[in-house]
Amino acid sequence: MRKKALKIMVLVPAFSQGSPVVGAYLFAKYLHEHDVDVVFVSLDRVYGTGTNIVADIESCGMEHECLDIVGWWGLFRHRSRVQEFCDRKDVDVVVAYMLRPTLLTASLTNVVKIASVRGMLHEDYAIAYGKGLSKLLVSMELGALRRMDHVFSMTGPMTEWLLKEGLNPNAISLVNNFVDVRSVRSGVTGVKPRDRDTVDIGMFSRFLPRKRVDVAVEAFTMLRREYGHEEVVLHLAGLGPTREKIEKMAASLNVDDRVRFHGFLSNPLSLMDAMDMVLLTSDSEGLPRCLMEALSLGKTCVASDIPGIRELVHDRTTGYLFPPGDAGALAAVMDDIIRNNRYIPCERLVDFMLKKYDVNAACDRMIARIEDIYWNRRAVGWS
C-alpha cells in the first residue's frame, strides 16, 4: 500500500462520459485504490443527463464533488471557488484535464499545478472551432501550461509540439493514455468465429467533422460494390452533430440497409466485441480510448495514419493504417484483410496492450512523478 502523503485533486470540466474524463476517472480510481487521498472534482454538474459517469464514481467509494462553475461565464465569475475548495480540503496537488480546468488551475496558489494534455491543441481546436477562434484558445492554454509546475503529454508528437512552443523540457513528461485492459476484457465473449455469414465492421466515436465518419461510409460502399463483399455490415455507435448528414449519405448511396446506427451506448464493449474489424477514420486524434479498448479486446483495427494513432497501430503488426481521408485506400485495406484472412491474432494485441497501455503501469509512472515534483516544489517554497 502507498502511504497517504498527499491530497490530490483531479479536476475535469464535467463528469461526462467522454474519453478525456474517463481517463481522468481511471487515474483518480487508481489513486483511490492504492491508498492515495484523492478527490475527483468537476466544474459543471451533469447529473441526470444519461451520459455521465457519476454512478461509476459513487460505486467505487471515491470522494467527489461538483463546484457548479458552469461554462465560460462561470469560469470568470466563480474562479475563486477552486482556490477556496483547495484551501478547505488541504489539497496539495491539482491535476487538470482539458481547457477550462487548466486555465483555472494555472491561477491557483499553494498547490502543485499539473496539466494533462490530451491532444494536438493547434489541430484539435482548428477542426473544432475554426482557425480564428482556435488561435485564441491555443494561446490561452499555452499561457496556462507555462504556469504549471508540470505537464503530462500523451504522445511523442504532442511533446515535440509543446517544446517548439517554448515549454520547459524539464517540466514535461511523456505518459501515454491508458485503459484498464482486464476490466475491458471482463464479461466479453472472446474472439468472434469467422465462419458466419457476415463480416461486422464497427466504428465507435462521436459524429463530429474531425472523426470523418463519411470516409468510413464511403469506403464501406466501395467494399461492397467494387470489391464484391456483399457480406459486410457497418455498425456506427455514437451521437453527434453530423449523424443526420451521415444517415442521409448512407441512404443516397443505397447502403442504409447494411449500415446500423446504434446511437449512444453507455457500454459499447459488448457490441465492439462482436466486431470482426474496428475503424477509426479521424483527421486528428490524441491517443484514442476507443482504439485502445478495441485492441484490448483483440480486434483488428484499421485507422488513419496520423500522429497518436501511429503509436498504437504499427502497420501490419498491431493493426493497419491508411492515408487519412482516403476512402479508396481504406476500402483496399479492408478487402485485403477479409479476402486473405489477415486479421491480427487476438493474443498478440492483448499482450501488446497489457505491456504498454494498461492503467497500472501508466499510473505508477504518473504518481511517482507527481510525488517527486511535490517534494521538490515544497523544498523551494510556493509561488
Protein backbone atom coordinates (compact mmCIF):
# COMPACT_ATOMS: atom_id res chain seq x y z
CA MET A 1 0.00 0.00 0.00
CA ARG A 2 1.18 3.52 -0.81
CA LYS A 3 1.35 5.85 2.18
CA LYS A 4 -1.18 8.69 2.19
CA ALA A 5 1.29 11.53 1.95
CA LEU A 6 -0.56 13.86 -0.41
CA LYS A 7 -4.06 15.13 -1.05
CA ILE A 8 -4.56 15.10 -4.82
CA MET A 9 -7.43 16.74 -6.68
CA VAL A 10 -8.24 15.54 -10.20
CA LEU A 11 -10.16 18.33 -11.96
CA VAL A 12 -12.34 17.86 -15.07
CA PRO A 13 -14.91 20.04 -16.88
CA ALA A 14 -17.80 17.69 -16.04
CA PHE A 15 -18.45 14.07 -15.09
CA SER A 16 -19.30 13.27 -18.71
CA GLN A 17 -18.69 10.01 -20.48
CA GLY A 18 -16.01 11.19 -22.89
CA SER A 19 -12.51 9.88 -23.39
CA PRO A 20 -10.54 12.59 -21.50
CA VAL A 21 -12.86 12.42 -18.48
CA VAL A 22 -12.85 8.62 -18.47
CA GLY A 23 -9.05 8.74 -18.49
CA ALA A 24 -9.10 11.15 -15.55
CA TYR A 25 -11.54 8.88 -13.74
CA LEU A 26 -9.31 5.83 -14.23
CA PHE A 27 -6.37 7.77 -12.82
CA ALA A 28 -8.39 9.00 -9.82
CA LYS A 29 -9.74 5.49 -9.23
CA TYR A 30 -6.22 4.08 -9.35
CA LEU A 31 -5.12 6.59 -6.70
CA HIS A 32 -8.12 5.74 -4.53
CA GLU A 33 -7.48 2.00 -4.80
CA HIS A 34 -3.78 2.49 -3.98
CA ASP A 35 -4.41 4.35 -0.74
CA VAL A 36 -3.77 7.87 -2.06
CA ASP A 37 -6.03 10.59 -0.67
CA VAL A 38 -7.82 11.79 -3.82
CA VAL A 39 -10.89 13.87 -4.62
CA PHE A 40 -12.41 13.84 -8.10
CA VAL A 41 -13.87 17.26 -8.90
CA SER A 42 -15.92 18.62 -11.82
CA LEU A 43 -16.68 22.20 -12.75
CA ASP A 44 -20.13 21.61 -14.33
CA ARG A 45 -22.92 19.44 -12.97
CA VAL A 46 -24.09 16.73 -15.38
CA TYR A 47 -26.27 14.59 -13.12
CA GLY A 48 -29.32 13.19 -14.86
CA THR A 49 -28.08 13.60 -18.44
CA GLY A 50 -27.75 9.86 -19.02
CA THR A 51 -24.22 10.27 -20.35
CA ASN A 52 -22.24 10.73 -17.15
CA ILE A 53 -20.05 8.51 -15.00
CA VAL A 54 -21.45 9.54 -11.61
CA ALA A 55 -22.70 6.02 -10.85
CA ASP A 56 -19.24 4.60 -11.53
CA ILE A 57 -17.62 7.22 -9.29
CA GLU A 58 -20.05 6.54 -6.45
CA SER A 59 -19.79 2.76 -6.78
CA CYS A 60 -16.05 2.79 -6.04
CA GLY A 61 -16.50 4.99 -2.97
CA MET A 62 -14.23 7.77 -4.18
CA GLU A 63 -14.66 11.28 -2.78
CA HIS A 64 -16.09 13.58 -5.44
CA GLU A 65 -17.70 16.99 -5.75
CA CYS A 66 -19.09 19.40 -8.33
CA LEU A 67 -18.20 23.08 -7.95
CA ASP A 68 -21.06 24.37 -10.17
CA ILE A 69 -18.77 26.57 -12.25
CA VAL A 70 -20.90 26.44 -15.38
CA GLY A 71 -19.47 27.27 -18.79
CA TRP A 72 -17.21 30.16 -19.69
CA TRP A 73 -19.31 32.67 -17.75
CA GLY A 74 -18.81 30.62 -14.61
CA LEU A 75 -15.08 30.44 -15.35
CA PHE A 76 -14.71 34.20 -14.96
CA ARG A 77 -17.41 34.79 -12.35
CA HIS A 78 -16.67 31.97 -9.91
CA ARG A 79 -12.99 31.15 -10.47
CA SER A 80 -12.21 31.72 -6.77
CA ARG A 81 -14.25 28.62 -5.88
CA VAL A 82 -11.41 26.33 -6.96
CA GLN A 83 -8.91 28.08 -4.70
CA GLU A 84 -11.41 28.09 -1.82
CA PHE A 85 -12.04 24.37 -2.33
CA CYS A 86 -8.31 23.59 -2.36
CA ASP A 87 -7.78 25.59 0.83
CA ARG A 88 -10.74 23.96 2.58
CA LYS A 89 -9.73 20.43 1.59
CA ASP A 90 -5.99 20.94 2.16
CA VAL A 91 -5.25 19.92 -1.40
CA ASP A 92 -1.54 19.52 -2.17
CA VAL A 93 -1.64 18.72 -5.90
CA VAL A 94 -4.15 19.55 -8.66
CA VAL A 95 -4.12 17.51 -11.88
CA ALA A 96 -6.19 19.32 -14.52
CA TYR A 97 -7.72 17.82 -17.65
CA MET A 98 -8.83 19.97 -20.63
CA LEU A 99 -9.03 23.70 -21.22
CA ARG A 100 -11.22 25.28 -18.51
CA PRO A 101 -9.75 23.21 -15.66
CA THR A 102 -6.25 24.03 -16.92
CA LEU A 103 -6.99 27.78 -17.04
CA LEU A 104 -8.39 27.71 -13.50
CA THR A 105 -5.57 25.58 -12.14
CA ALA A 106 -2.95 27.96 -13.55
CA SER A 107 -4.28 30.71 -11.24
CA LEU A 108 -4.01 28.66 -8.02
CA THR A 109 -1.51 29.23 -5.22
CA ASN A 110 -0.03 26.94 -2.56
CA VAL A 111 -0.55 23.78 -4.60
CA VAL A 112 1.46 21.87 -7.17
CA LYS A 113 -0.20 22.51 -10.54
CA ILE A 114 -0.15 19.76 -13.18
CA ALA A 115 -1.92 19.59 -16.55
CA SER A 116 -2.62 16.59 -18.73
CA VAL A 117 -2.52 17.49 -22.43
CA ARG A 118 -4.79 15.18 -24.38
CA GLY A 119 -4.37 16.28 -28.00
CA MET A 120 -2.54 18.34 -30.58
CA LEU A 121 -4.07 21.63 -29.47
CA HIS A 122 -3.50 23.61 -32.66
CA GLU A 123 -5.04 20.86 -34.81
CA ASP A 124 -7.90 19.89 -32.49
CA TYR A 125 -9.05 23.45 -31.86
CA ALA A 126 -8.78 24.41 -35.55
CA ILE A 127 -11.02 21.49 -36.52
CA ALA A 128 -13.49 22.10 -33.68
CA TYR A 129 -13.68 25.92 -33.67
CA GLY A 130 -12.16 27.24 -36.89
CA LYS A 131 -8.80 28.91 -37.38
CA GLY A 132 -9.68 32.29 -35.86
CA LEU A 133 -11.02 31.13 -32.50
CA SER A 134 -8.54 28.26 -32.32
CA LYS A 135 -5.59 30.67 -32.25
CA LEU A 136 -7.06 32.43 -29.21
CA LEU A 137 -7.81 29.16 -27.39
CA VAL A 138 -4.37 27.69 -28.12
CA SER A 139 -2.74 30.89 -26.91
CA MET A 140 -4.81 30.80 -23.71
CA GLU A 141 -3.98 27.17 -22.99
CA LEU A 142 -0.29 27.52 -23.76
CA GLY A 143 -0.15 30.50 -21.42
CA ALA A 144 -1.70 28.38 -18.69
CA LEU A 145 0.61 25.42 -19.40
CA ARG A 146 3.67 27.65 -19.00
CA ARG A 147 2.47 28.47 -15.48
CA MET A 148 2.14 24.81 -14.49
CA ASP A 149 4.69 23.01 -12.35
CA HIS A 150 4.49 20.08 -14.76
CA VAL A 151 2.70 18.84 -17.87
CA PHE A 152 1.88 15.25 -18.80
CA SER A 153 1.84 14.70 -22.57
CA MET A 154 0.24 11.60 -24.11
CA THR A 155 2.36 11.18 -27.24
CA GLY A 156 5.76 11.96 -28.69
CA PRO A 157 4.36 14.38 -31.31
CA MET A 158 2.48 16.28 -28.57
CA THR A 159 5.68 16.59 -26.56
CA GLU A 160 7.63 17.83 -29.59
CA TRP A 161 4.97 20.45 -30.31
CA LEU A 162 4.92 21.69 -26.72
CA LEU A 163 8.70 22.03 -26.79
CA LYS A 164 8.51 24.04 -30.03
CA GLU A 165 6.02 26.32 -28.28
CA GLY A 166 8.60 27.11 -25.63
CA LEU A 167 7.63 24.92 -22.69
CA ASN A 168 10.43 23.91 -20.36
CA PRO A 169 11.63 20.41 -21.34
CA ASN A 170 12.21 19.61 -17.65
CA ALA A 171 8.54 20.36 -16.97
CA ILE A 172 7.12 17.80 -19.45
CA SER A 173 6.74 14.05 -19.01
CA LEU A 174 5.51 11.65 -21.66
CA VAL A 175 2.89 9.37 -20.09
CA ASN A 176 0.72 7.63 -22.66
CA ASN A 177 -3.04 7.32 -22.42
CA PHE A 178 -4.23 4.05 -20.89
CA VAL A 179 -7.13 1.68 -20.31
CA ASP A 180 -7.87 -0.97 -17.72
CA VAL A 181 -7.24 -3.90 -20.07
CA ARG A 182 -8.56 -6.56 -17.70
CA SER A 183 -11.70 -4.58 -16.97
CA VAL A 184 -12.32 -4.06 -20.69
CA ARG A 185 -12.00 -7.80 -21.27
CA SER A 186 -14.15 -8.87 -18.34
CA GLY A 187 -17.59 -10.05 -19.34
CA VAL A 188 -16.94 -10.31 -23.08
CA THR A 189 -17.16 -13.50 -25.04
CA GLY A 190 -13.78 -13.56 -26.77
CA VAL A 191 -12.84 -13.75 -30.43
CA LYS A 192 -15.78 -13.97 -32.81
CA PRO A 193 -15.73 -17.03 -35.13
CA ARG A 194 -15.12 -16.07 -38.74
CA ASP A 195 -17.31 -18.73 -40.34
CA ARG A 196 -20.51 -16.73 -40.01
CA ASP A 197 -22.47 -15.20 -42.87
CA THR A 198 -21.49 -11.60 -42.15
CA VAL A 199 -18.35 -9.59 -41.61
CA ASP A 200 -19.14 -6.96 -38.99
CA ILE A 201 -17.20 -3.70 -39.14
CA GLY A 202 -17.60 -1.19 -36.33
CA MET A 203 -16.82 2.44 -35.65
CA PHE A 204 -17.19 3.78 -32.11
CA SER A 205 -16.94 7.56 -31.91
CA ARG A 206 -18.94 10.75 -31.77
CA PHE A 207 -20.34 12.08 -35.02
CA LEU A 208 -18.03 15.08 -35.37
CA PRO A 209 -16.48 16.58 -38.52
CA ARG A 210 -12.94 15.59 -37.49
CA LYS A 211 -14.00 11.95 -36.97
CA ARG A 212 -14.69 11.64 -40.73
CA VAL A 213 -17.44 9.05 -40.44
CA ASP A 214 -18.19 9.89 -44.08
CA VAL A 215 -14.89 8.25 -45.05
CA ALA A 216 -15.96 5.03 -43.31
CA VAL A 217 -19.34 5.00 -45.11
CA GLU A 218 -17.76 5.75 -48.50
CA ALA A 219 -15.13 3.03 -48.04
CA PHE A 220 -17.80 0.58 -46.88
CA THR A 221 -19.80 1.29 -50.04
CA MET A 222 -16.74 0.66 -52.21
CA LEU A 223 -16.02 -2.56 -50.30
CA ARG A 224 -19.44 -3.89 -51.30
CA ARG A 225 -19.68 -2.57 -54.85
CA GLU A 226 -16.13 -2.55 -56.20
CA TYR A 227 -14.74 -5.49 -54.23
CA GLY A 228 -17.92 -7.60 -54.14
CA HIS A 229 -18.16 -8.08 -50.36
CA GLU A 230 -21.92 -8.32 -50.01
CA GLU A 231 -21.49 -9.95 -46.59
CA VAL A 232 -20.20 -6.83 -44.80
CA VAL A 233 -22.25 -4.82 -42.29
CA LEU A 234 -21.17 -1.44 -40.91
CA HIS A 235 -22.04 -0.59 -37.31
CA LEU A 236 -21.84 3.05 -36.19
CA ALA A 237 -22.12 3.70 -32.45
CA GLY A 238 -22.37 7.25 -31.13
CA LEU A 239 -24.18 10.55 -31.38
CA GLY A 240 -23.17 13.99 -32.59
CA PRO A 241 -23.97 16.86 -34.94
CA THR A 242 -23.06 15.10 -38.20
CA ARG A 243 -25.16 11.98 -37.61
CA GLU A 244 -28.13 13.17 -39.69
CA LYS A 245 -25.80 14.02 -42.55
CA ILE A 246 -24.23 10.55 -42.39
CA GLU A 247 -27.66 8.88 -42.33
CA LYS A 248 -28.62 10.78 -45.49
CA MET A 249 -25.30 9.84 -47.07
CA ALA A 250 -25.90 6.13 -46.40
CA ALA A 251 -29.38 6.41 -47.91
CA SER A 252 -28.12 8.26 -51.00
CA LEU A 253 -25.51 5.53 -51.55
CA ASN A 254 -28.19 2.84 -51.11
CA VAL A 255 -26.31 1.12 -48.30
CA ASP A 256 -28.60 2.20 -45.45
CA ASP A 257 -29.95 -1.35 -45.22
CA ARG A 258 -26.43 -2.55 -44.34
CA VAL A 259 -25.42 0.34 -42.04
CA ARG A 260 -26.62 0.07 -38.44
CA PHE A 261 -26.88 3.27 -36.39
CA HIS A 262 -26.72 2.23 -32.74
CA GLY A 263 -26.79 5.69 -31.15
CA PHE A 264 -25.22 6.34 -27.78
CA LEU A 265 -24.24 3.18 -25.89
CA SER A 266 -23.44 3.51 -22.18
CA ASN A 267 -21.35 0.34 -22.52
CA PRO A 268 -20.24 -0.21 -26.13
CA LEU A 269 -17.84 -3.05 -25.32
CA SER A 270 -20.32 -5.88 -25.95
CA LEU A 271 -21.03 -4.57 -29.44
CA MET A 272 -17.33 -3.91 -30.02
CA ASP A 273 -16.54 -7.48 -29.01
CA ALA A 274 -18.90 -8.74 -31.71
CA MET A 275 -16.99 -6.96 -34.46
CA ASP A 276 -14.55 -8.55 -36.88
CA MET A 277 -12.88 -5.21 -37.55
CA VAL A 278 -12.88 -1.75 -35.94
CA LEU A 279 -12.29 1.50 -37.82
CA LEU A 280 -11.08 4.92 -36.76
CA THR A 281 -11.10 7.39 -39.65
CA SER A 282 -10.30 10.66 -37.83
CA ASP A 283 -8.28 13.55 -39.21
CA SER A 284 -6.96 14.36 -35.71
CA GLU A 285 -6.63 12.34 -32.52
CA GLY A 286 -4.62 12.15 -29.32
CA LEU A 287 -4.22 8.56 -28.18
CA PRO A 288 -7.82 7.39 -28.72
CA ARG A 289 -9.51 5.40 -26.00
CA CYS A 290 -11.91 3.59 -28.35
CA LEU A 291 -8.92 2.22 -30.27
CA MET A 292 -7.22 1.08 -27.06
CA GLU A 293 -10.42 -0.68 -26.00
CA ALA A 294 -10.72 -2.41 -29.37
CA LEU A 295 -7.09 -3.57 -29.22
CA SER A 296 -7.64 -4.78 -25.64
CA LEU A 297 -10.46 -6.94 -26.99
CA GLY A 298 -8.14 -8.36 -29.64
CA LYS A 299 -9.89 -6.64 -32.54
CA THR A 300 -8.18 -5.97 -35.85
CA CYS A 301 -8.19 -2.18 -36.25
CA VAL A 302 -7.83 -0.04 -39.36
CA ALA A 303 -7.08 3.60 -38.59
CA SER A 304 -5.89 6.88 -40.08
CA ASP A 305 -2.11 7.22 -40.40
CA ILE A 306 -1.80 10.27 -38.13
CA PRO A 307 0.26 11.16 -35.03
CA GLY A 308 -1.00 9.47 -31.88
CA ILE A 309 -2.67 6.63 -33.73
CA ARG A 310 0.73 5.55 -35.09
CA GLU A 311 1.87 4.90 -31.53
CA LEU A 312 -0.92 2.35 -31.09
CA VAL A 313 -1.25 0.93 -34.57
CA HIS A 314 2.00 -0.38 -36.02
CA ASP A 315 1.08 -1.16 -39.60
CA ARG A 316 0.52 -4.88 -40.19
CA THR A 317 1.75 -5.71 -36.67
CA THR A 318 -0.86 -4.33 -34.26
CA GLY A 319 -3.28 -3.17 -36.93
CA TYR A 320 -3.47 -1.41 -40.29
CA LEU A 321 -3.02 2.22 -41.33
CA PHE A 322 -4.40 4.13 -44.31
CA PRO A 323 -3.84 7.73 -45.51
CA PRO A 324 -6.32 10.00 -43.68
CA GLY A 325 -9.38 10.90 -45.73
CA ASP A 326 -8.63 8.32 -48.45
CA ALA A 327 -11.73 6.12 -48.67
CA GLY A 328 -10.30 4.15 -51.59
CA ALA A 329 -7.21 3.19 -49.62
CA LEU A 330 -9.34 2.22 -46.62
CA ALA A 331 -11.54 0.00 -48.79
CA ALA A 332 -8.46 -1.69 -50.27
CA VAL A 333 -7.05 -2.44 -46.82
CA MET A 334 -10.35 -3.90 -45.62
CA ASP A 335 -10.64 -6.02 -48.78
CA ASP A 336 -7.15 -7.45 -48.22
CA ILE A 337 -7.93 -8.32 -44.60
CA ILE A 338 -11.20 -10.06 -45.45
CA ARG A 339 -10.14 -11.76 -48.68
CA ASN A 340 -6.78 -13.03 -47.39
CA ASN A 341 -7.76 -13.55 -43.75
CA ARG A 342 -5.17 -11.06 -42.49
CA TYR A 343 -6.76 -10.47 -39.10
CA ILE A 344 -4.22 -9.70 -36.37
CA PRO A 345 -4.03 -12.53 -33.76
CA CYS A 346 -6.02 -11.62 -30.66
CA GLU A 347 -3.34 -12.82 -28.25
CA ARG A 348 -0.71 -10.55 -29.82
CA LEU A 349 -2.93 -7.48 -29.39
CA VAL A 350 -3.90 -8.20 -25.79
CA ASP A 351 -0.26 -8.82 -24.84
CA PHE A 352 0.75 -5.54 -26.54
CA MET A 353 -1.87 -3.59 -24.60
CA LEU A 354 -1.03 -5.18 -21.24
CA LYS A 355 2.66 -4.39 -21.64
CA LYS A 356 2.38 -0.81 -22.95
CA TYR A 357 -1.02 0.75 -22.29
CA ASP A 358 -2.53 -0.81 -19.18
CA VAL A 359 -3.69 1.51 -16.40
CA ASN A 360 -1.36 0.18 -13.71
CA ALA A 361 1.93 0.81 -15.49
CA ALA A 362 0.96 4.30 -16.67
CA CYS A 363 -0.48 5.42 -13.33
CA ASP A 364 2.54 4.08 -11.45
CA ARG A 365 4.69 6.44 -13.53
CA MET A 366 2.31 9.36 -13.02
CA ILE A 367 2.09 9.15 -9.22
CA ALA A 368 5.85 8.61 -8.87
CA ARG A 369 6.47 11.76 -10.94
CA ILE A 370 3.84 13.73 -9.00
CA GLU A 371 5.44 12.82 -5.68
CA ASP A 372 8.88 13.90 -6.92
CA ILE A 373 7.50 17.20 -8.21
CA TYR A 374 5.62 17.88 -4.97
CA TRP A 375 8.58 17.35 -2.65
CA ASN A 376 10.94 19.28 -4.94
CA ARG A 377 8.43 22.11 -5.20
CA ARG A 378 7.86 22.13 -1.46
CA ALA A 379 11.59 22.39 -0.87
CA VAL A 380 11.83 25.68 -2.78
CA GLY A 381 8.54 27.14 -1.47
CA TRP A 382 5.22 28.06 -3.10
CA SER A 383 4.52 30.88 -5.51
